[in-house]
């Protein structure tokens, strides 16, 4: 079976995003169900896969990152309301036997993602 993982890169400071709250939701028929909530470690990663084994299922998911709270905790001067606050990445898992890595590259003004392995 495959697994799902993530990490956060803070490109304003050129370092991993440590201490970012991450929530994983399953999305079925328009309804969101919280599967797991984690906080990134010093390397900007979750300590274990977000999904693996039998939990790794084909379907639609959302990762929600508390980026605004992270930047506020870093002492970054942010406008009110924050331009980038909660970053939601909606994605699909088409093959549960593969590894899906969904990182967040973020600043207080922009973000990007890609599918890693």
Protein backbone atom coordinates (compact mmCIF):
# COMPACT_ATOMS: atom_id res chain seq x y z
CA UNK A 1 0.00 0.00 0.00
CA UNK A 2 1.00 3.59 -0.53
CA UNK A 3 1.12 6.47 1.89
CA UNK A 4 0.31 10.19 2.08
CA UNK A 5 2.80 12.67 3.50
CA UNK A 6 3.37 16.42 3.54
CA UNK A 7 5.85 19.06 4.61
CA UNK A 8 5.94 22.84 4.83
CA UNK A 9 8.68 25.11 3.46
CA UNK A 10 8.79 28.76 4.61
CA UNK A 11 10.46 30.52 1.69
CA UNK A 12 10.47 33.93 3.41
CA UNK A 13 12.95 32.61 5.95
CA UNK A 14 14.46 29.83 3.84
CA UNK A 15 13.68 27.11 6.37
CA UNK A 16 11.21 24.34 7.16
CA UNK A 17 7.87 25.46 8.56
CA UNK A 18 8.06 23.99 12.07
CA UNK A 19 4.96 24.11 14.27
CA UNK A 20 2.37 24.42 11.48
CA UNK A 21 -1.00 22.86 12.31
CA UNK A 22 -2.16 20.55 9.52
CA UNK A 23 -5.60 18.97 9.16
CA UNK A 24 -6.49 16.19 6.72
CA UNK A 25 -10.10 15.82 5.58
CA UNK A 26 -11.82 13.22 3.46
CA UNK A 27 -14.37 14.75 1.08
CA UNK A 28 -17.32 12.59 0.00
CA UNK A 29 -20.53 13.87 -1.55
CA UNK A 30 -19.60 17.42 -0.55
CA UNK A 31 -19.17 16.54 3.13
CA UNK A 32 -15.80 16.96 4.85
CA UNK A 33 -14.70 14.53 7.58
CA UNK A 34 -11.61 15.24 9.68
CA UNK A 35 -9.29 12.24 9.48
CA UNK A 36 -6.18 13.51 11.23
CA UNK A 37 -4.70 16.65 12.80
CA UNK A 38 -0.93 17.05 13.18
CA UNK A 39 1.67 19.72 13.85
CA UNK A 40 4.84 19.81 11.77
CA UNK A 41 8.13 19.00 13.46
CA UNK A 42 11.44 20.90 13.29
CA UNK A 43 11.97 19.58 9.74
CA UNK A 44 8.55 20.93 8.65
CA UNK A 45 7.17 17.39 8.35
CA UNK A 46 4.53 15.39 10.15
CA UNK A 47 6.01 12.70 12.37
CA UNK A 48 4.24 9.88 10.54
CA UNK A 49 2.32 9.43 7.28
CA UNK A 50 -1.09 11.10 7.22
CA UNK A 51 -2.52 8.00 5.54
CA UNK A 52 -1.06 4.53 5.14
CA UNK A 53 -2.10 0.90 5.07
CA UNK A 54 -5.85 0.31 4.93
CA UNK A 55 -6.51 4.02 5.62
CA UNK A 56 -4.98 4.89 2.23
CA UNK A 57 -8.06 4.93 -0.01
CA UNK A 58 -8.93 6.25 -3.46
CA UNK A 59 -10.90 9.48 -3.10
CA UNK A 60 -10.95 13.24 -2.66
CA UNK A 61 -9.10 14.89 0.21
CA UNK A 62 -8.19 18.30 1.58
CA UNK A 63 -5.12 19.36 3.52
CA UNK A 64 -5.61 22.55 5.54
CA UNK A 65 -2.52 24.36 6.81
CA UNK A 66 -2.70 27.10 9.50
CA UNK A 67 -0.13 29.23 7.68
CA UNK A 68 -1.29 32.57 9.08
CA UNK A 69 -0.95 31.35 12.66
CA UNK A 70 2.52 30.01 11.83
CA UNK A 71 3.72 33.35 10.40
CA UNK A 72 2.23 35.25 13.36
CA UNK A 73 4.14 32.93 15.72
CA UNK A 74 7.33 33.78 13.80
CA UNK A 75 6.85 37.49 14.50
CA UNK A 76 6.02 38.34 10.88
CA UNK A 77 4.03 41.59 10.59
CA UNK A 78 0.75 40.54 8.96
CA UNK A 79 -2.16 42.66 7.75
CA UNK A 80 -5.60 42.23 9.26
CA UNK A 81 -7.24 40.29 7.82
CA UNK A 82 -4.34 38.09 6.77
CA UNK A 83 -3.80 37.68 3.02
CA UNK A 84 -2.68 34.03 3.36
CA UNK A 85 -4.27 32.49 6.42
CA UNK A 86 -5.59 28.94 6.15
CA UNK A 87 -4.27 27.25 3.02
CA UNK A 88 -6.50 24.49 1.67
CA UNK A 89 -5.15 22.08 -0.91
CA UNK A 90 -7.87 19.92 -2.48
CA UNK A 91 -6.49 16.83 -4.23
CA UNK A 92 -7.40 13.32 -5.26
CA UNK A 93 -5.81 9.96 -4.67
CA UNK A 94 -6.37 7.84 -7.76
CA UNK A 95 -4.14 4.87 -6.85
CA UNK A 96 -3.90 3.90 -3.18
CA UNK A 97 -0.84 1.72 -3.86
CA UNK A 98 1.30 4.75 -4.73
CA UNK A 99 2.98 7.30 -2.46
CA UNK A 100 1.53 10.81 -2.53
CA UNK A 101 3.59 13.64 -1.09
CA UNK A 102 1.76 17.00 -1.04
CA UNK A 103 4.09 19.75 0.20
CA UNK A 104 3.26 23.39 0.87
CA UNK A 105 5.73 26.11 -0.17
CA UNK A 106 4.45 29.27 1.51
CA UNK A 107 4.98 32.94 2.32
CA UNK A 108 2.54 35.41 3.89
CA UNK A 109 1.68 36.49 0.32
CA UNK A 110 1.73 33.32 -1.78
CA UNK A 111 1.80 29.54 -1.78
CA UNK A 112 2.41 26.64 -4.11
CA UNK A 113 2.22 22.86 -4.09
CA UNK A 114 3.06 19.90 -6.28
CA UNK A 115 2.74 16.14 -6.21
CA UNK A 116 5.87 14.47 -4.96
CA UNK A 117 6.35 10.79 -4.30
